[in-house]
Amino acid sequence: MIRATAVIGQYHWIEAAIDTVVLDFDDRHRRRMVMTGTRGLEFLLDLENAVALRGGDALVLEDGRRVEVVAAPEPLIEIRGTDPGHLVRLAWHLGNRHLPTQIMAKGLRIRRDHVIEEMVKGLGARVIEIEAPFDPEGGAYAAPHEAPRTHGHHDHAHSSGHHGCSHDHHHGHVHDEHCGHDHDHGHHHGHSHAHGHK
């Protein structure tokens, strides 16, 4: 099976893609995984380290051909504040819980989470349920999204201390062979953020 061994950052490539893979947020942060494109191309993603892929990235096959990454729509909530200061306070509360968050011009997007929805409503936010691609911020350990890259946004991952695997807090869903055991990345607000990894 042909392998994809490198990633070119979004919009830093001009060649036509031979196929497309549509991936949700969890499947866009892997090191090694068999993938099948929408046109039927089967290949093995085989990177040195887990990479946080974004929509618009290209996976580079061993023969130089490109496969485009498309972020799949997911069930999300968009959190709206009353003014910019209120939105900043809401963002602080989400960041304090290490929740992957996408920052939009007029709101914040997170995966649907009833506990968090109630929390932000209690803080005066308006919550809108949507279906959209989820492309959260890279976090403090993110590097600029440039090409080519094979190590993801964070070559210098840190150990989070409360478990024995080294990876960044913002992507708490990496459970492939670079992390020797399965665990959930709970955030101490009463439920788990494990989402059934394949």
C-alpha atoms as a PDB file:
ATOM      1  CA  MET A   1       0.000   0.000   0.000  1.00  0.00           C
ATOM      2  CA  ILE A   2       1.311   3.419  -0.924  1.00  0.00           C
ATOM      3  CA  ARG A   3       2.151   5.700   1.994  1.00  0.00           C
ATOM      4  CA  ALA A   4       1.655   9.402   2.659  1.00  0.00           C
ATOM      5  CA  THR A   5       4.791  10.490   4.475  1.00  0.00           C
ATOM      6  CA  ALA A   6       4.615  14.291   4.536  1.00  0.00           C
ATOM      7  CA  VAL A   7       2.140  17.150   4.876  1.00  0.00           C
ATOM      8  CA  ILE A   8       2.093  20.461   3.036  1.00  0.00           C
ATOM      9  CA  GLY A   9       0.322  23.210   4.963  1.00  0.00           C
ATOM     10  CA  GLN A  10      -2.969  24.611   3.738  1.00  0.00           C
ATOM     11  CA  TYR A  11      -2.826  26.639   0.551  1.00  0.00           C
ATOM     12  CA  HIS A  12       0.972  26.232   0.168  1.00  0.00           C
ATOM     13  CA  TRP A  13       0.584  23.837  -2.754  1.00  0.00           C
ATOM     14  CA  ILE A  14      -0.634  24.292  -6.308  1.00  0.00           C
ATOM     15  CA  GLU A  15      -0.593  20.811  -7.861  1.00  0.00           C
ATOM     16  CA  ALA A  16      -3.967  19.184  -8.564  1.00  0.00           C
ATOM     17  CA  ALA A  17      -4.945  16.647  -5.902  1.00  0.00           C
ATOM     18  CA  ILE A  18      -5.513  13.107  -7.137  1.00  0.00           C
ATOM     19  CA  ASP A  19      -8.044  12.428  -4.366  1.00  0.00           C
ATOM     20  CA  THR A  20      -9.625  13.929  -1.255  1.00  0.00           C
ATOM     21  CA  VAL A  21     -10.045  12.635   2.299  1.00  0.00           C
ATOM     22  CA  VAL A  22     -12.881  14.039   4.405  1.00  0.00           C
ATOM     23  CA  LEU A  23     -11.916  13.853   8.095  1.00  0.00           C
ATOM     24  CA  ASP A  24     -13.448  15.007  11.361  1.00  0.00           C
ATOM     25  CA  PHE A  25     -11.394  16.730  14.064  1.00  0.00           C
ATOM     26  CA  ASP A  26     -10.286  13.480  15.763  1.00  0.00           C
ATOM     27  CA  ASP A  27      -9.163  11.836  12.535  1.00  0.00           C
ATOM     28  CA  ARG A  28      -7.268  14.974  11.522  1.00  0.00           C
ATOM     29  CA  HIS A  29      -4.771  14.402  14.366  1.00  0.00           C
ATOM     30  CA  ARG A  30      -3.105  11.089  13.630  1.00  0.00           C
ATOM     31  CA  ARG A  31       0.346   9.724  12.965  1.00  0.00           C
ATOM     32  CA  ARG A  32      -0.424   6.397  11.305  1.00  0.00           C
ATOM     33  CA  MET A  33      -3.787   5.438   9.847  1.00  0.00           C
ATOM     34  CA  VAL A  34      -5.175   3.750   6.730  1.00  0.00           C
ATOM     35  CA  MET A  35      -7.269   6.244   4.764  1.00  0.00           C
ATOM     36  CA  THR A  36      -9.549   5.950   1.736  1.00  0.00           C
ATOM     37  CA  GLY A  37     -10.176   8.931  -0.502  1.00  0.00           C
ATOM     38  CA  THR A  38     -13.557   9.938  -1.899  1.00  0.00           C
ATOM     39  CA  ARG A  39     -12.420   8.598  -5.302  1.00  0.00           C
ATOM     40  CA  GLY A  40     -11.356   5.266  -3.845  1.00  0.00           C
ATOM     41  CA  LEU A  41      -7.587   5.708  -3.359  1.00  0.00           C
ATOM     42  CA  GLU A  42      -6.467   3.698  -0.337  1.00  0.00           C
ATOM     43  CA  PHE A  43      -3.205   4.710   1.333  1.00  0.00           C
ATOM     44  CA  LEU A  44      -1.409   4.622   4.650  1.00  0.00           C
ATOM     45  CA  LEU A  45      -0.795   7.883   6.489  1.00  0.00           C
ATOM     46  CA  ASP A  46       2.654   7.225   7.956  1.00  0.00           C
ATOM     47  CA  LEU A  47       4.229  10.280   9.605  1.00  0.00           C
ATOM     48  CA  GLU A  48       7.078  10.568  12.101  1.00  0.00           C
ATOM     49  CA  ASN A  49       4.791  12.329  14.581  1.00  0.00           C
ATOM     50  CA  ALA A  50       1.083  12.987  14.887  1.00  0.00           C
ATOM     51  CA  VAL A  51       0.143  16.058  12.857  1.00  0.00           C
ATOM     52  CA  ALA A  52      -2.825  18.351  13.420  1.00  0.00           C
ATOM     53  CA  LEU A  53      -4.206  18.495   9.890  1.00  0.00           C
ATOM     54  CA  ARG A  54      -6.377  21.367   8.678  1.00  0.00           C
ATOM     55  CA  GLY A  55      -8.772  21.644   5.802  1.00  0.00           C
ATOM     56  CA  GLY A  56      -6.753  22.633   2.738  1.00  0.00           C
ATOM     57  CA  ASP A  57      -3.628  20.678   3.719  1.00  0.00           C
ATOM     58  CA  ALA A  58      -2.132  18.199   1.266  1.00  0.00           C
ATOM     59  CA  LEU A  59      -0.868  14.734   2.173  1.00  0.00           C
ATOM     60  CA  VAL A  60       2.157  13.898   0.019  1.00  0.00           C
ATOM     61  CA  LEU A  61       2.341  10.337  -1.268  1.00  0.00           C
ATOM     62  CA  GLU A  62       5.666   8.566  -1.787  1.00  0.00           C
ATOM     63  CA  ASP A  63       5.397   9.127  -5.539  1.00  0.00           C
ATOM     64  CA  GLY A  64       4.866  12.873  -5.062  1.00  0.00           C
ATOM     65  CA  ARG A  65       1.121  12.972  -5.729  1.00  0.00           C
ATOM     66  CA  ARG A  66      -1.116  14.986  -3.393  1.00  0.00           C
ATOM     67  CA  VAL A  67      -4.280  14.088  -1.495  1.00  0.00           C
ATOM     68  CA  GLU A  68      -6.299  17.044  -0.229  1.00  0.00           C
ATOM     69  CA  VAL A  69      -7.637  17.136   3.337  1.00  0.00           C
ATOM     70  CA  VAL A  70     -11.203  18.393   3.778  1.00  0.00           C
ATOM     71  CA  ALA A  71     -12.576  19.081   7.265  1.00  0.00           C
ATOM     72  CA  ALA A  72     -15.863  17.216   7.714  1.00  0.00           C
ATOM     73  CA  PRO A  73     -18.915  19.034   9.109  1.00  0.00           C
ATOM     74  CA  GLU A  74     -19.529  18.151  12.765  1.00  0.00           C
ATOM     75  CA  PRO A  75     -22.172  18.970  15.382  1.00  0.00           C
ATOM     76  CA  LEU A  76     -20.910  22.183  17.011  1.00  0.00           C
ATOM     77  CA  ILE A  77     -22.197  25.055  19.071  1.00  0.00           C
ATOM     78  CA  GLU A  78     -21.440  28.679  18.309  1.00  0.00           C
ATOM     79  CA  ILE A  79     -21.185  30.842  21.414  1.00  0.00           C
ATOM     80  CA  ARG A  80     -22.087  34.504  21.037  1.00  0.00           C
ATOM     81  CA  GLY A  81     -21.316  37.206  23.592  1.00  0.00           C
ATOM     82  CA  THR A  82     -22.995  40.550  24.231  1.00  0.00           C
ATOM     83  CA  ASP A  83     -19.848  42.521  23.316  1.00  0.00           C
ATOM     84  CA  PRO A  84     -16.136  41.870  22.615  1.00  0.00           C
ATOM     85  CA  GLY A  85     -15.215  42.014  26.314  1.00  0.00           C
ATOM     86  CA  HIS A  86     -17.881  39.429  27.159  1.00  0.00           C
ATOM     87  CA  LEU A  87     -16.619  37.172  24.350  1.00  0.00           C
ATOM     88  CA  VAL A  88     -13.077  37.401  25.726  1.00  0.00           C
ATOM     89  CA  ARG A  89     -14.335  36.335  29.174  1.00  0.00           C
ATOM     90  CA  LEU A  90     -16.182  33.394  27.609  1.00  0.00           C
ATOM     91  CA  ALA A  91     -13.037  32.415  25.693  1.00  0.00           C
ATOM     92  CA  TRP A  92     -11.068  32.509  28.961  1.00  0.00           C
ATOM     93  CA  HIS A  93     -13.480  30.040  30.579  1.00  0.00           C
ATOM     94  CA  LEU A  94     -13.188  27.666  27.610  1.00  0.00           C
ATOM     95  CA  GLY A  95      -9.396  27.966  27.569  1.00  0.00           C
ATOM     96  CA  ASN A  96      -9.266  27.351  31.312  1.00  0.00           C
ATOM     97  CA  ARG A  97     -10.867  23.958  30.611  1.00  0.00           C
ATOM     98  CA  HIS A  98      -8.465  23.193  27.731  1.00  0.00           C
ATOM     99  CA  LEU A  99     -11.369  22.880  25.301  1.00  0.00           C
ATOM    100  CA  PRO A 100     -10.426  22.988  21.606  1.00  0.00           C
ATOM    101  CA  THR A 101     -12.025  26.246  20.427  1.00  0.00           C
ATOM    102  CA  GLN A 102     -12.412  27.831  17.013  1.00  0.00           C
ATOM    103  CA  ILE A 103     -12.376  31.633  17.120  1.00  0.00           C
ATOM    104  CA  MET A 104     -14.734  33.287  14.659  1.00  0.00           C
ATOM    105  CA  ALA A 105     -15.309  36.963  13.911  1.00  0.00           C
ATOM    106  CA  LYS A 106     -18.476  37.086  16.021  1.00  0.00           C
ATOM    107  CA  GLY A 107     -18.292  34.034  18.232  1.00  0.00           C
ATOM    108  CA  LEU A 108     -16.554  30.910  19.465  1.00  0.00           C
ATOM    109  CA  ARG A 109     -17.158  27.387  18.213  1.00  0.00           C
ATOM    110  CA  ILE A 110     -16.730  24.191  20.216  1.00  0.00           C
ATOM    111  CA  ARG A 111     -18.001  20.647  19.908  1.00  0.00           C
ATOM    112  CA  ARG A 112     -21.430  20.131  21.414  1.00  0.00           C
ATOM    113  CA  ASP A 113     -21.127  19.612  25.138  1.00  0.00           C
ATOM    114  CA  HIS A 114     -24.191  20.005  27.338  1.00  0.00           C
ATOM    115  CA  VAL A 115     -22.223  20.814  30.495  1.00  0.00           C
ATOM    116  CA  ILE A 116     -20.295  23.600  28.767  1.00  0.00           C
ATOM    117  CA  GLU A 117     -23.449  24.876  27.050  1.00  0.00           C
ATOM    118  CA  GLU A 118     -25.097  25.332  30.447  1.00  0.00           C
ATOM    119  CA  MET A 119     -21.971  26.992  31.838  1.00  0.00           C
ATOM    120  CA  VAL A 120     -21.748  29.614  29.069  1.00  0.00           C
ATOM    121  CA  LYS A 121     -25.490  30.254  29.156  1.00  0.00           C
ATOM    122  CA  GLY A 122     -25.082  30.907  32.871  1.00  0.00           C
ATOM    123  CA  LEU A 123     -22.422  33.462  31.937  1.00  0.00           C
ATOM    124  CA  GLY A 124     -24.917  35.269  29.681  1.00  0.00           C
ATOM    125  CA  ALA A 125     -23.909  33.797  26.318  1.00  0.00           C
ATOM    126  CA  ARG A 126     -26.220  32.896  23.448  1.00  0.00           C
ATOM    127  CA  VAL A 127     -25.693  29.362  22.116  1.00  0.00           C
ATOM    128  CA  ILE A 128     -26.501  28.312  18.531  1.00  0.00           C
ATOM    129  CA  GLU A 129     -26.355  24.669  17.413  1.00  0.00           C
ATOM    130  CA  ILE A 130     -24.734  24.308  13.982  1.00  0.00           C
ATOM    131  CA  GLU A 131     -23.143  21.722  11.680  1.00  0.00           C
ATOM    132  CA  ALA A 132     -19.816  22.952  10.311  1.00  0.00           C
ATOM    133  CA  PRO A 133     -16.172  21.923   9.858  1.00  0.00           C
ATOM    134  CA  PHE A 134     -14.269  22.276  13.144  1.00  0.00           C
ATOM    135  CA  ASP A 135     -10.882  23.978  12.858  1.00  0.00           C
ATOM    136  CA  PRO A 136      -9.808  25.055  16.363  1.00  0.00           C
ATOM    137  CA  GLU A 137      -6.858  27.217  17.294  1.00  0.00           C
ATOM    138  CA  GLY A 138      -3.444  25.563  17.486  1.00  0.00           C
ATOM    139  CA  GLY A 139      -2.663  26.592  21.051  1.00  0.00           C
ATOM    140  CA  ALA A 140       0.509  27.876  22.679  1.00  0.00           C
ATOM    141  CA  TYR A 141       2.640  25.115  21.159  1.00  0.00           C
ATOM    142  CA  ALA A 142       1.461  25.704  17.595  1.00  0.00           C
ATOM    143  CA  ALA A 143       3.951  26.698  14.948  1.00  0.00           C
ATOM    144  CA  PRO A 144       3.013  28.734  11.876  1.00  0.00           C
ATOM    145  CA  HIS A 145       1.166  26.609   9.341  1.00  0.00           C
ATOM    146  CA  GLU A 146       3.738  26.562   6.581  1.00  0.00           C
ATOM    147  CA  ALA A 147       4.947  24.053   4.053  1.00  0.00           C
ATOM    148  CA  PRO A 148       6.318  21.542   3.891  1.00  0.00           C
ATOM    149  CA  ARG A 149       5.980  20.046   7.327  1.00  0.00           C
ATOM    150  CA  THR A 150       5.962  16.530   8.683  1.00  0.00           C
ATOM    151  CA  HIS A 151       5.816  17.170  12.403  1.00  0.00           C
ATOM    152  CA  GLY A 152       2.617  19.131  12.797  1.00  0.00           C
ATOM    153  CA  HIS A 153       2.032  22.436  14.503  1.00  0.00           C
ATOM    154  CA  HIS A 154       3.951  21.565  17.644  1.00  0.00           C
ATOM    155  CA  ASP A 155       7.351  19.989  17.284  1.00  0.00           C
ATOM    156  CA  HIS A 156       7.969  20.687  20.968  1.00  0.00           C
ATOM    157  CA  ALA A 157       5.077  18.944  22.657  1.00  0.00           C
ATOM    158  CA  HIS A 158       5.158  19.098  26.441  1.00  0.00           C
ATOM    159  CA  SER A 159       4.173  16.547  28.992  1.00  0.00           C
ATOM    160  CA  SER A 160       0.844  17.457  30.506  1.00  0.00           C
ATOM    161  CA  GLY A 161       1.827  15.923  33.824  1.00  0.00           C
ATOM    162  CA  HIS A 162      -1.424  14.170  34.760  1.00  0.00           C
ATOM    163  CA  HIS A 163      -0.807  11.244  32.418  1.00  0.00           C
ATOM    164  CA  GLY A 164       2.225   9.498  31.041  1.00  0.00           C
ATOM    165  CA  CYS A 165       2.026  10.509  27.409  1.00  0.00           C
ATOM    166  CA  SER A 166       3.567  13.630  25.925  1.00  0.00           C
ATOM    167  CA  HIS A 167       1.278  15.699  23.748  1.00  0.00           C
ATOM    168  CA  ASP A 168      -0.291  19.116  23.715  1.00  0.00           C
ATOM    169  CA  HIS A 169      -3.379  20.069  25.715  1.00  0.00           C
ATOM    170  CA  HIS A 170      -5.332  21.556  22.872  1.00  0.00           C
ATOM    171  CA  HIS A 171      -5.450  18.272  20.939  1.00  0.00           C
ATOM    172  CA  GLY A 172      -6.401  15.887  23.704  1.00  0.00           C
ATOM    173  CA  HIS A 173      -7.571  13.169  21.362  1.00  0.00           C
ATOM    174  CA  VAL A 174      -4.381  11.496  20.137  1.00  0.00           C
ATOM    175  CA  HIS A 175      -4.412   7.777  20.873  1.00  0.00           C
ATOM    176  CA  ASP A 176      -2.280   6.038  18.268  1.00  0.00           C
ATOM    177  CA  GLU A 177       1.009   4.272  18.637  1.00  0.00           C
ATOM    178  CA  HIS A 178       3.059   7.321  19.631  1.00  0.00           C
ATOM    179  CA  CYS A 179       1.113   7.202  22.922  1.00  0.00           C
ATOM    180  CA  GLY A 180       1.411   3.821  24.500  1.00  0.00           C
ATOM    181  CA  HIS A 181      -1.945   3.643  26.289  1.00  0.00           C
ATOM    182  CA  ASP A 182      -5.533   4.694  25.944  1.00  0.00           C
ATOM    183  CA  HIS A 183      -6.975   7.245  28.316  1.00  0.00           C
ATOM    184  CA  ASP A 184      -9.477  10.001  28.152  1.00  0.00           C
ATOM    185  CA  HIS A 185      -8.463  13.612  28.509  1.00  0.00           C
ATOM    186  CA  GLY A 186     -11.022  14.629  31.119  1.00  0.00           C
ATOM    187  CA  HIS A 187     -11.283  18.257  32.116  1.00  0.00           C
ATOM    188  CA  HIS A 188     -12.732  17.892  35.610  1.00  0.00           C
ATOM    189  CA  HIS A 189     -16.175  19.167  34.757  1.00  0.00           C
ATOM    190  CA  GLY A 190     -18.019  15.934  35.152  1.00  0.00           C
ATOM    191  CA  HIS A 191     -17.588  14.116  31.872  1.00  0.00           C
ATOM    192  CA  SER A 192     -15.105  12.755  29.416  1.00  0.00           C
ATOM    193  CA  HIS A 193     -13.992  14.056  26.036  1.00  0.00           C
ATOM    194  CA  ALA A 194     -13.092  10.669  24.596  1.00  0.00           C
ATOM    195  CA  HIS A 195     -14.879  10.252  21.270  1.00  0.00           C
ATOM    196  CA  GLY A 196     -14.395   6.674  20.183  1.00  0.00           C
ATOM    197  CA  HIS A 197     -11.150   6.389  18.284  1.00  0.00           C
ATOM    198  CA  LYS A 198     -10.915   3.953  15.458  1.00  0.00           C
END
